[in-house]
Amino acid sequence: NTSSDQRLKENIADADDAGSKVDAIKVRQFDWKTDGSHQDYGMVAQELQSVAPEAVTGNADSDDMMMVDYSKLVPMLIKEIQSLRARVTQLETEEAS
């Protein structure tokens, strides 16, 4: 769980459109070096850092491995789904007219 209580926040406002950020995320497939297993969908921390730094821990210049917290991407993805649903509704309404 992540703290999300309203009492911990200020300046609460609707988030900006997330489409350009979602489009900038590179979803990759790859094989893990450790055991050769294949992963169909994932991200590379170094690539994601410029798009969603809040989801990446570590530093590319360090010997420590960088990590991705995929849960930090969920709010952005929900915002984009909401935008797409609104657009579909608008298009369906225009088509019905």
PDB file of N, CA and C in Angstrom:
ATOM      1  N   ASN A   1       0.829  -1.195   0.000  1.00  0.00           N
ATOM      2  CA  ASN A   1       0.000   0.000   0.000  1.00  0.00           C
ATOM      3  C   ASN A   1       0.867   1.249   0.000  1.00  0.00           C
ATOM      4  N   THR A   2       0.372   2.279  -0.629  1.00  0.00           N
ATOM      5  CA  THR A   2       1.052   3.566  -0.686  1.00  0.00           C
ATOM      6  C   THR A   2       0.165   4.606  -0.012  1.00  0.00           C
ATOM      7  N   SER A   3       0.730   5.445   0.818  1.00  0.00           N
ATOM      8  CA  SER A   3      -0.053   6.496   1.466  1.00  0.00           C
ATOM      9  C   SER A   3      -0.716   7.360   0.411  1.00  0.00           C
ATOM     10  N   SER A   4      -2.034   7.598   0.579  1.00  0.00           N
ATOM     11  CA  SER A   4      -2.760   8.393  -0.404  1.00  0.00           C
ATOM     12  C   SER A   4      -3.859   9.223   0.236  1.00  0.00           C
ATOM     13  N   ASP A   5      -3.871   9.316   1.536  1.00  0.00           N
ATOM     14  CA  ASP A   5      -4.900  10.026   2.265  1.00  0.00           C
ATOM     15  C   ASP A   5      -4.921  11.503   1.878  1.00  0.00           C
ATOM     16  N   GLN A   6      -6.120  12.052   1.690  1.00  0.00           N
ATOM     17  CA  GLN A   6      -6.289  13.457   1.315  1.00  0.00           C
ATOM     18  C   GLN A   6      -5.628  14.391   2.323  1.00  0.00           C
ATOM     19  N   ARG A   7      -5.592  13.981   3.582  1.00  0.00           N
ATOM     20  CA  ARG A   7      -5.012  14.831   4.620  1.00  0.00           C
ATOM     21  C   ARG A   7      -3.510  15.005   4.465  1.00  0.00           C
ATOM     22  N   LEU A   8      -2.884  14.199   3.633  1.00  0.00           N
ATOM     23  CA  LEU A   8      -1.445  14.288   3.401  1.00  0.00           C
ATOM     24  C   LEU A   8      -1.102  15.149   2.176  1.00  0.00           C
ATOM     25  N   LYS A   9      -2.141  15.678   1.496  1.00  0.00           N
ATOM     26  CA  LYS A   9      -1.917  16.336   0.206  1.00  0.00           C
ATOM     27  C   LYS A   9      -2.455  17.756   0.210  1.00  0.00           C
ATOM     28  N   GLU A  10      -1.891  18.583  -0.655  1.00  0.00           N
ATOM     29  CA  GLU A  10      -2.416  19.923  -0.882  1.00  0.00           C
ATOM     30  C   GLU A  10      -2.301  20.243  -2.360  1.00  0.00           C
ATOM     31  N   ASN A  11      -2.939  21.326  -2.780  1.00  0.00           N
ATOM     32  CA  ASN A  11      -2.950  21.723  -4.190  1.00  0.00           C
ATOM     33  C   ASN A  11      -3.474  20.601  -5.089  1.00  0.00           C
ATOM     34  N   ILE A  12      -4.529  19.936  -4.668  1.00  0.00           N
ATOM     35  CA  ILE A  12      -5.108  18.825  -5.416  1.00  0.00           C
ATOM     36  C   ILE A  12      -5.872  19.379  -6.620  1.00  0.00           C
ATOM     37  N   ALA A  13      -5.574  18.876  -7.812  1.00  0.00           N
ATOM     38  CA  ALA A  13      -6.234  19.295  -9.050  1.00  0.00           C
ATOM     39  C   ALA A  13      -6.224  18.120 -10.024  1.00  0.00           C
ATOM     40  N   ASP A  14      -7.079  18.206 -11.049  1.00  0.00           N
ATOM     41  CA  ASP A  14      -7.083  17.163 -12.068  1.00  0.00           C
ATOM     42  C   ASP A  14      -5.717  17.095 -12.739  1.00  0.00           C
ATOM     43  N   ALA A  15      -5.261  15.884 -13.029  1.00  0.00           N
ATOM     44  CA  ALA A  15      -3.977  15.683 -13.695  1.00  0.00           C
ATOM     45  C   ALA A  15      -4.085  16.069 -15.163  1.00  0.00           C
ATOM     46  N   ASP A  16      -2.973  16.464 -15.728  1.00  0.00           N
ATOM     47  CA  ASP A  16      -2.901  16.780 -17.151  1.00  0.00           C
ATOM     48  C   ASP A  16      -3.075  15.506 -17.968  1.00  0.00           C
ATOM     49  N   ASP A  17      -3.365  15.678 -19.234  1.00  0.00           N
ATOM     50  CA  ASP A  17      -3.474  14.565 -20.161  1.00  0.00           C
ATOM     51  C   ASP A  17      -2.200  13.721 -20.104  1.00  0.00           C
ATOM     52  N   ALA A  18      -2.355  12.416 -20.142  1.00  0.00           N
ATOM     53  CA  ALA A  18      -1.210  11.512 -20.029  1.00  0.00           C
ATOM     54  C   ALA A  18      -0.831  10.862 -21.355  1.00  0.00           C
ATOM     55  N   GLY A  19      -1.528  11.198 -22.421  1.00  0.00           N
ATOM     56  CA  GLY A  19      -1.303  10.535 -23.702  1.00  0.00           C
ATOM     57  C   GLY A  19       0.117  10.608 -24.206  1.00  0.00           C
ATOM     58  N   SER A  20       0.719  11.788 -24.149  1.00  0.00           N
ATOM     59  CA  SER A  20       2.078  11.914 -24.672  1.00  0.00           C
ATOM     60  C   SER A  20       3.074  11.126 -23.832  1.00  0.00           C
ATOM     61  N   LYS A  21       2.841  11.070 -22.515  1.00  0.00           N
ATOM     62  CA  LYS A  21       3.734  10.266 -21.665  1.00  0.00           C
ATOM     63  C   LYS A  21       3.562   8.782 -21.944  1.00  0.00           C
ATOM     64  N   VAL A  22       2.320   8.344 -22.059  1.00  0.00           N
ATOM     65  CA  VAL A  22       2.068   6.929 -22.348  1.00  0.00           C
ATOM     66  C   VAL A  22       2.697   6.552 -23.684  1.00  0.00           C
ATOM     67  N   ASP A  23       2.557   7.423 -24.679  1.00  0.00           N
ATOM     68  CA  ASP A  23       3.154   7.150 -25.989  1.00  0.00           C
ATOM     69  C   ASP A  23       4.677   7.072 -25.923  1.00  0.00           C
ATOM     70  N   ALA A  24       5.275   7.795 -24.996  1.00  0.00           N
ATOM     71  CA  ALA A  24       6.742   7.831 -24.896  1.00  0.00           C
ATOM     72  C   ALA A  24       7.324   6.620 -24.163  1.00  0.00           C
ATOM     73  N   ILE A  25       6.484   5.867 -23.473  1.00  0.00           N
ATOM     74  CA  ILE A  25       6.983   4.684 -22.758  1.00  0.00           C
ATOM     75  C   ILE A  25       7.278   3.581 -23.767  1.00  0.00           C
ATOM     76  N   LYS A  26       8.499   3.089 -23.735  1.00  0.00           N
ATOM     77  CA  LYS A  26       8.893   2.000 -24.627  1.00  0.00           C
ATOM     78  C   LYS A  26       8.636   0.677 -23.916  1.00  0.00           C
ATOM     79  N   VAL A  27       7.685  -0.075 -24.442  1.00  0.00           N
ATOM     80  CA  VAL A  27       7.397  -1.405 -23.901  1.00  0.00           C
ATOM     81  C   VAL A  27       8.238  -2.388 -24.698  1.00  0.00           C
ATOM     82  N   ARG A  28       9.039  -3.160 -23.992  1.00  0.00           N
ATOM     83  CA  ARG A  28      10.023  -4.037 -24.637  1.00  0.00           C
ATOM     84  C   ARG A  28       9.745  -5.504 -24.339  1.00  0.00           C
ATOM     85  N   GLN A  29      10.299  -6.356 -25.161  1.00  0.00           N
ATOM     86  CA  GLN A  29      10.421  -7.777 -24.852  1.00  0.00           C
ATOM     87  C   GLN A  29      11.905  -8.080 -24.763  1.00  0.00           C
ATOM     88  N   PHE A  30      12.248  -9.031 -23.921  1.00  0.00           N
ATOM     89  CA  PHE A  30      13.670  -9.298 -23.712  1.00  0.00           C
ATOM     90  C   PHE A  30      13.865 -10.631 -23.009  1.00  0.00           C
ATOM     91  N   ASP A  31      15.116 -11.066 -22.967  1.00  0.00           N
ATOM     92  CA  ASP A  31      15.511 -12.261 -22.229  1.00  0.00           C
ATOM     93  C   ASP A  31      16.357 -11.827 -21.034  1.00  0.00           C
ATOM     94  N   TRP A  32      16.082 -12.406 -19.890  1.00  0.00           N
ATOM     95  CA  TRP A  32      16.861 -12.114 -18.685  1.00  0.00           C
ATOM     96  C   TRP A  32      18.204 -12.825 -18.766  1.00  0.00           C
ATOM     97  N   LYS A  33      19.275 -12.117 -18.483  1.00  0.00           N
ATOM     98  CA  LYS A  33      20.617 -12.707 -18.515  1.00  0.00           C
ATOM     99  C   LYS A  33      20.803 -13.770 -17.437  1.00  0.00           C
ATOM    100  N   THR A  34      20.147 -13.583 -16.287  1.00  0.00           N
ATOM    101  CA  THR A  34      20.370 -14.484 -15.159  1.00  0.00           C
ATOM    102  C   THR A  34      19.951 -15.915 -15.436  1.00  0.00           C
ATOM    103  N   ASP A  35      18.786 -16.099 -16.075  1.00  0.00           N
ATOM    104  CA  ASP A  35      18.314 -17.470 -16.288  1.00  0.00           C
ATOM    105  C   ASP A  35      17.836 -17.732 -17.712  1.00  0.00           C
ATOM    106  N   GLY A  36      17.959 -16.732 -18.586  1.00  0.00           N
ATOM    107  CA  GLY A  36      17.565 -16.911 -19.982  1.00  0.00           C
ATOM    108  C   GLY A  36      16.065 -16.886 -20.218  1.00  0.00           C
ATOM    109  N   SER A  37      15.281 -16.637 -19.174  1.00  0.00           N
ATOM    110  CA  SER A  37      13.833 -16.629 -19.360  1.00  0.00           C
ATOM    111  C   SER A  37      13.425 -15.414 -20.195  1.00  0.00           C
ATOM    112  N   HIS A  38      12.345 -15.595 -20.929  1.00  0.00           N
ATOM    113  CA  HIS A  38      11.863 -14.543 -21.830  1.00  0.00           C
ATOM    114  C   HIS A  38      10.731 -13.776 -21.162  1.00  0.00           C
ATOM    115  N   GLN A  39      10.707 -12.468 -21.364  1.00  0.00           N
ATOM    116  CA  GLN A  39       9.607 -11.635 -20.889  1.00  0.00           C
ATOM    117  C   GLN A  39       9.029 -10.901 -22.088  1.00  0.00           C
ATOM    118  N   ASP A  40       7.720 -11.062 -22.306  1.00  0.00           N
ATOM    119  CA  ASP A  40       7.066 -10.458 -23.462  1.00  0.00           C
ATOM    120  C   ASP A  40       6.847  -8.956 -23.321  1.00  0.00           C
ATOM    121  N   TYR A  41       6.573  -8.489 -22.098  1.00  0.00           N
ATOM    122  CA  TYR A  41       6.269  -7.071 -21.885  1.00  0.00           C
ATOM    123  C   TYR A  41       6.997  -6.576 -20.648  1.00  0.00           C
ATOM    124  N   GLY A  42       7.768  -5.543 -20.823  1.00  0.00           N
ATOM    125  CA  GLY A  42       8.471  -4.941 -19.704  1.00  0.00           C
ATOM    126  C   GLY A  42       9.125  -3.653 -20.163  1.00  0.00           C
ATOM    127  N   MET A  43       9.813  -3.024 -19.244  1.00  0.00           N
ATOM    128  CA  MET A  43      10.466  -1.764 -19.547  1.00  0.00           C
ATOM    129  C   MET A  43      11.910  -1.802 -19.102  1.00  0.00           C
ATOM    130  N   VAL A  44      12.699  -0.927 -19.685  1.00  0.00           N
ATOM    131  CA  VAL A  44      14.093  -0.763 -19.309  1.00  0.00           C
ATOM    132  C   VAL A  44      14.165   0.496 -18.447  1.00  0.00           C
ATOM    133  N   ALA A  45      14.660   0.366 -17.229  1.00  0.00           N
ATOM    134  CA  ALA A  45      14.663   1.479 -16.281  1.00  0.00           C
ATOM    135  C   ALA A  45      15.327   2.729 -16.851  1.00  0.00           C
ATOM    136  N   GLN A  46      16.435   2.570 -17.536  1.00  0.00           N
ATOM    137  CA  GLN A  46      17.151   3.713 -18.088  1.00  0.00           C
ATOM    138  C   GLN A  46      16.297   4.460 -19.120  1.00  0.00           C
ATOM    139  N   GLU A  47      15.501   3.735 -19.899  1.00  0.00           N
ATOM    140  CA  GLU A  47      14.634   4.363 -20.891  1.00  0.00           C
ATOM    141  C   GLU A  47      13.428   5.030 -20.235  1.00  0.00           C
ATOM    142  N   LEU A  48      12.898   4.420 -19.192  1.00  0.00           N
ATOM    143  CA  LEU A  48      11.706   4.929 -18.529  1.00  0.00           C
ATOM    144  C   LEU A  48      11.998   6.163 -17.674  1.00  0.00           C
ATOM    145  N   GLN A  49      13.222   6.295 -17.229  1.00  0.00           N
ATOM    146  CA  GLN A  49      13.575   7.363 -16.295  1.00  0.00           C
ATOM    147  C   GLN A  49      13.234   8.759 -16.822  1.00  0.00           C
ATOM    148  N   SER A  50      13.416   9.004 -18.100  1.00  0.00           N
ATOM    149  CA  SER A  50      13.130  10.332 -18.646  1.00  0.00           C
ATOM    150  C   SER A  50      11.629  10.588 -18.788  1.00  0.00           C
ATOM    151  N   VAL A  51      10.836   9.542 -18.887  1.00  0.00           N
ATOM    152  CA  VAL A  51       9.392   9.677 -19.063  1.00  0.00           C
ATOM    153  C   VAL A  51       8.664   9.701 -17.719  1.00  0.00           C
ATOM    154  N   ALA A  52       9.025   8.799 -16.834  1.00  0.00           N
ATOM    155  CA  ALA A  52       8.350   8.662 -15.540  1.00  0.00           C
ATOM    156  C   ALA A  52       9.385   8.425 -14.441  1.00  0.00           C
ATOM    157  N   PRO A  53      10.137   9.453 -14.085  1.00  0.00           N
ATOM    158  CA  PRO A  53      11.199   9.276 -13.085  1.00  0.00           C
ATOM    159  C   PRO A  53      10.693   8.800 -11.728  1.00  0.00           C
ATOM    160  N   GLU A  54       9.418   9.094 -11.432  1.00  0.00           N
ATOM    161  CA  GLU A  54       8.849   8.643 -10.161  1.00  0.00           C
ATOM    162  C   GLU A  54       8.735   7.126 -10.069  1.00  0.00           C
ATOM    163  N   ALA A  55       8.795   6.447 -11.197  1.00  0.00           N
ATOM    164  CA  ALA A  55       8.669   4.993 -11.228  1.00  0.00           C
ATOM    165  C   ALA A  55      10.019   4.278 -11.238  1.00  0.00           C
ATOM    166  N   VAL A  56      11.106   5.048 -11.263  1.00  0.00           N
ATOM    167  CA  VAL A  56      12.438   4.455 -11.378  1.00  0.00           C
ATOM    168  C   VAL A  56      13.264   4.787 -10.146  1.00  0.00           C
ATOM    169  N   THR A  57      13.914   3.765  -9.611  1.00  0.00           N
ATOM    170  CA  THR A  57      14.861   4.002  -8.524  1.00  0.00           C
ATOM    171  C   THR A  57      16.245   3.607  -8.996  1.00  0.00           C
ATOM    172  N   GLY A  58      17.220   4.296  -8.446  1.00  0.00           N
ATOM    173  CA  GLY A  58      18.602   4.024  -8.818  1.00  0.00           C
ATOM    174  C   GLY A  58      19.120   5.064  -9.790  1.00  0.00           C
ATOM    175  N   ASN A  59      20.396   4.926 -10.092  1.00  0.00           N
ATOM    176  CA  ASN A  59      21.087   5.886 -10.933  1.00  0.00           C
ATOM    177  C   ASN A  59      21.875   5.126 -11.989  1.00  0.00           C
ATOM    178  N   ALA A  60      21.782   5.566 -13.222  1.00  0.00           N
ATOM    179  CA  ALA A  60      22.466   4.891 -14.326  1.00  0.00           C
ATOM    180  C   ALA A  60      23.979   4.905 -14.157  1.00  0.00           C
ATOM    181  N   ASP A  61      24.496   5.858 -13.397  1.00  0.00           N
ATOM    182  CA  ASP A  61      25.941   5.972 -13.200  1.00  0.00           C
ATOM    183  C   ASP A  61      26.453   5.132 -12.035  1.00  0.00           C
ATOM    184  N   SER A  62      25.563   4.463 -11.339  1.00  0.00           N
ATOM    185  CA  SER A  62      25.936   3.663 -10.177  1.00  0.00           C
ATOM    186  C   SER A  62      26.139   2.202 -10.574  1.00  0.00           C
ATOM    187  N   ASP A  63      26.858   1.463  -9.753  1.00  0.00           N
ATOM    188  CA  ASP A  63      27.009   0.020  -9.978  1.00  0.00           C
ATOM    189  C   ASP A  63      25.764  -0.747  -9.542  1.00  0.00           C
ATOM    190  N   ASP A  64      24.908  -0.112  -8.728  1.00  0.00           N
ATOM    191  CA  ASP A  64      23.673  -0.755  -8.284  1.00  0.00           C
ATOM    192  C   ASP A  64      22.684  -0.821  -9.439  1.00  0.00           C
ATOM    193  N   MET A  65      21.922  -1.909  -9.486  1.00  0.00           N
ATOM    194  CA  MET A  65      20.939  -2.087 -10.540  1.00  0.00           C
ATOM    195  C   MET A  65      19.772  -1.118 -10.362  1.00  0.00           C
ATOM    196  N   MET A  66      19.305  -0.563 -11.445  1.00  0.00           N
ATOM    197  CA  MET A  66      18.128   0.304 -11.425  1.00  0.00           C
ATOM    198  C   MET A  66      16.874  -0.571 -11.395  1.00  0.00           C
ATOM    199  N   MET A  67      15.805  -0.047 -10.803  1.00  0.00           N
ATOM    200  CA  MET A  67      14.573  -0.815 -10.670  1.00  0.00           C
ATOM    201  C   MET A  67      13.378   0.027 -11.104  1.00  0.00           C
ATOM    202  N   VAL A  68      12.312  -0.655 -11.550  1.00  0.00           N
ATOM    203  CA  VAL A  68      11.066  -0.003 -11.939  1.00  0.00           C
ATOM    204  C   VAL A  68       9.973  -0.433 -10.976  1.00  0.00           C
ATOM    205  N   ASP A  69       9.247   0.547 -10.439  1.00  0.00           N
ATOM    206  CA  ASP A  69       8.066   0.286  -9.623  1.00  0.00           C
ATOM    207  C   ASP A  69       6.863   0.488 -10.544  1.00  0.00           C
ATOM    208  N   TYR A  70       6.389  -0.593 -11.131  1.00  0.00           N
ATOM    209  CA  TYR A  70       5.313  -0.521 -12.113  1.00  0.00           C
ATOM    210  C   TYR A  70       4.036   0.075 -11.525  1.00  0.00           C
ATOM    211  N   SER A  71       3.837  -0.049 -10.232  1.00  0.00           N
ATOM    212  CA  SER A  71       2.635   0.507  -9.612  1.00  0.00           C
ATOM    213  C   SER A  71       2.583   2.030  -9.735  1.00  0.00           C
ATOM    214  N   LYS A  72       3.728   2.674  -9.875  1.00  0.00           N
ATOM    215  CA  LYS A  72       3.769   4.131 -10.015  1.00  0.00           C
ATOM    216  C   LYS A  72       3.254   4.587 -11.380  1.00  0.00           C
ATOM    217  N   LEU A  73       3.118   3.669 -12.320  1.00  0.00           N
ATOM    218  CA  LEU A  73       2.615   3.997 -13.652  1.00  0.00           C
ATOM    219  C   LEU A  73       1.087   3.915 -13.727  1.00  0.00           C
ATOM    220  N   VAL A  74       0.475   3.254 -12.769  1.00  0.00           N
ATOM    221  CA  VAL A  74      -0.970   3.010 -12.808  1.00  0.00           C
ATOM    222  C   VAL A  74      -1.794   4.300 -12.877  1.00  0.00           C
ATOM    223  N   PRO A  75      -1.527   5.332 -12.047  1.00  0.00           N
ATOM    224  CA  PRO A  75      -2.347   6.549 -12.164  1.00  0.00           C
ATOM    225  C   PRO A  75      -2.288   7.179 -13.552  1.00  0.00           C
ATOM    226  N   MET A  76      -1.119   7.193 -14.164  1.00  0.00           N
ATOM    227  CA  MET A  76      -0.966   7.753 -15.507  1.00  0.00           C
ATOM    228  C   MET A  76      -1.778   6.929 -16.515  1.00  0.00           C
ATOM    229  N   LEU A  77      -1.732   5.624 -16.382  1.00  0.00           N
ATOM    230  CA  LEU A  77      -2.463   4.763 -17.310  1.00  0.00           C
ATOM    231  C   LEU A  77      -3.968   4.915 -17.129  1.00  0.00           C
ATOM    232  N   ILE A  78      -4.427   5.056 -15.890  1.00  0.00           N
ATOM    233  CA  ILE A  78      -5.853   5.272 -15.639  1.00  0.00           C
ATOM    234  C   ILE A  78      -6.294   6.591 -16.262  1.00  0.00           C
ATOM    235  N   LYS A  79      -5.493   7.633 -16.108  1.00  0.00           N
ATOM    236  CA  LYS A  79      -5.827   8.935 -16.698  1.00  0.00           C
ATOM    237  C   LYS A  79      -5.964   8.815 -18.212  1.00  0.00           C
ATOM    238  N   GLU A  80      -5.074   8.085 -18.838  1.00  0.00           N
ATOM    239  CA  GLU A  80      -5.148   7.920 -20.289  1.00  0.00           C
ATOM    240  C   GLU A  80      -6.367   7.092 -20.690  1.00  0.00           C
ATOM    241  N   ILE A  81      -6.703   6.069 -19.942  1.00  0.00           N
ATOM    242  CA  ILE A  81      -7.906   5.280 -20.224  1.00  0.00           C
ATOM    243  C   ILE A  81      -9.145   6.165 -20.118  1.00  0.00           C
ATOM    244  N   GLN A  82      -9.194   7.015 -19.092  1.00  0.00           N
ATOM    245  CA  GLN A  82     -10.324   7.929 -18.946  1.00  0.00           C
ATOM    246  C   GLN A  82     -10.434   8.861 -20.148  1.00  0.00           C
ATOM    247  N   SER A  83      -9.306   9.393 -20.598  1.00  0.00           N
ATOM    248  CA  SER A  83      -9.306  10.284 -21.765  1.00  0.00           C
ATOM    249  C   SER A  83      -9.795   9.554 -23.008  1.00  0.00           C
ATOM    250  N   LEU A  84      -9.344   8.338 -23.193  1.00  0.00           N
ATOM    251  CA  LEU A  84      -9.756   7.556 -24.358  1.00  0.00           C
ATOM    252  C   LEU A  84     -11.240   7.219 -24.309  1.00  0.00           C
ATOM    253  N   ARG A  85     -11.732   6.884 -23.125  1.00  0.00           N
ATOM    254  CA  ARG A  85     -13.159   6.580 -22.968  1.00  0.00           C
ATOM    255  C   ARG A  85     -14.008   7.815 -23.279  1.00  0.00           C
ATOM    256  N   ALA A  86     -13.562   8.978 -22.823  1.00  0.00           N
ATOM    257  CA  ALA A  86     -14.292  10.208 -23.110  1.00  0.00           C
ATOM    258  C   ALA A  86     -14.316  10.477 -24.611  1.00  0.00           C
ATOM    259  N   ARG A  87     -13.196  10.227 -25.260  1.00  0.00           N
ATOM    260  CA  ARG A  87     -13.112  10.444 -26.715  1.00  0.00           C
ATOM    261  C   ARG A  87     -14.023   9.470 -27.464  1.00  0.00           C
ATOM    262  N   VAL A  88     -14.058   8.224 -27.041  1.00  0.00           N
ATOM    263  CA  VAL A  88     -14.939   7.235 -27.670  1.00  0.00           C
ATOM    264  C   VAL A  88     -16.401   7.661 -27.504  1.00  0.00           C
ATOM    265  N   THR A  89     -16.765   8.105 -26.307  1.00  0.00           N
ATOM    266  CA  THR A  89     -18.125   8.570 -26.057  1.00  0.00           C
ATOM    267  C   THR A  89     -18.474   9.749 -26.965  1.00  0.00           C
ATOM    268  N   GLN A  90     -17.540  10.676 -27.096  1.00  0.00           N
ATOM    269  CA  GLN A  90     -17.754  11.841 -27.959  1.00  0.00           C
ATOM    270  C   GLN A  90     -17.962  11.403 -29.411  1.00  0.00           C
ATOM    271  N   LEU A  91     -17.128  10.492 -29.887  1.00  0.00           N
ATOM    272  CA  LEU A  91     -17.235  10.025 -31.270  1.00  0.00           C
ATOM    273  C   LEU A  91     -18.547   9.264 -31.492  1.00  0.00           C
ATOM    274  N   GLU A  92     -18.947   8.458 -30.508  1.00  0.00           N
ATOM    275  CA  GLU A  92     -20.206   7.720 -30.628  1.00  0.00           C
ATOM    276  C   GLU A  92     -21.402   8.676 -30.648  1.00  0.00           C
ATOM    277  N   THR A  93     -21.331   9.734 -29.864  1.00  0.00           N
ATOM    278  CA  THR A  93     -22.402  10.723 -29.820  1.00  0.00           C
ATOM    279  C   THR A  93     -22.503  11.459 -31.154  1.00  0.00           C
ATOM    280  N   GLU A  94     -21.351  11.842 -31.714  1.00  0.00           N
ATOM    281  CA  GLU A  94     -21.326  12.520 -33.008  1.00  0.00           C
ATOM    282  C   GLU A  94     -21.860  11.608 -34.109  1.00  0.00           C
ATOM    283  N   GLU A  95     -21.500  10.331 -34.035  1.00  0.00           N
ATOM    284  CA  GLU A  95     -21.927   9.370 -35.046  1.00  0.00           C
ATOM    285  C   GLU A  95     -23.429   9.137 -34.985  1.00  0.00           C
ATOM    286  N   ALA A  96     -23.998   9.158 -33.788  1.00  0.00           N
ATOM    287  CA  ALA A  96     -25.428   8.928 -33.609  1.00  0.00           C
ATOM    288  C   ALA A  96     -26.263  10.119 -34.069  1.00  0.00           C
ATOM    289  N   SER A  97     -25.654  11.279 -34.163  1.00  0.00           N
ATOM    290  CA  SER A  97     -26.400  12.494 -34.559  1.00  0.00           C
ATOM    291  C   SER A  97     -26.723  12.515 -36.024  1.00  0.00           C
TER     292      SER A  97
END
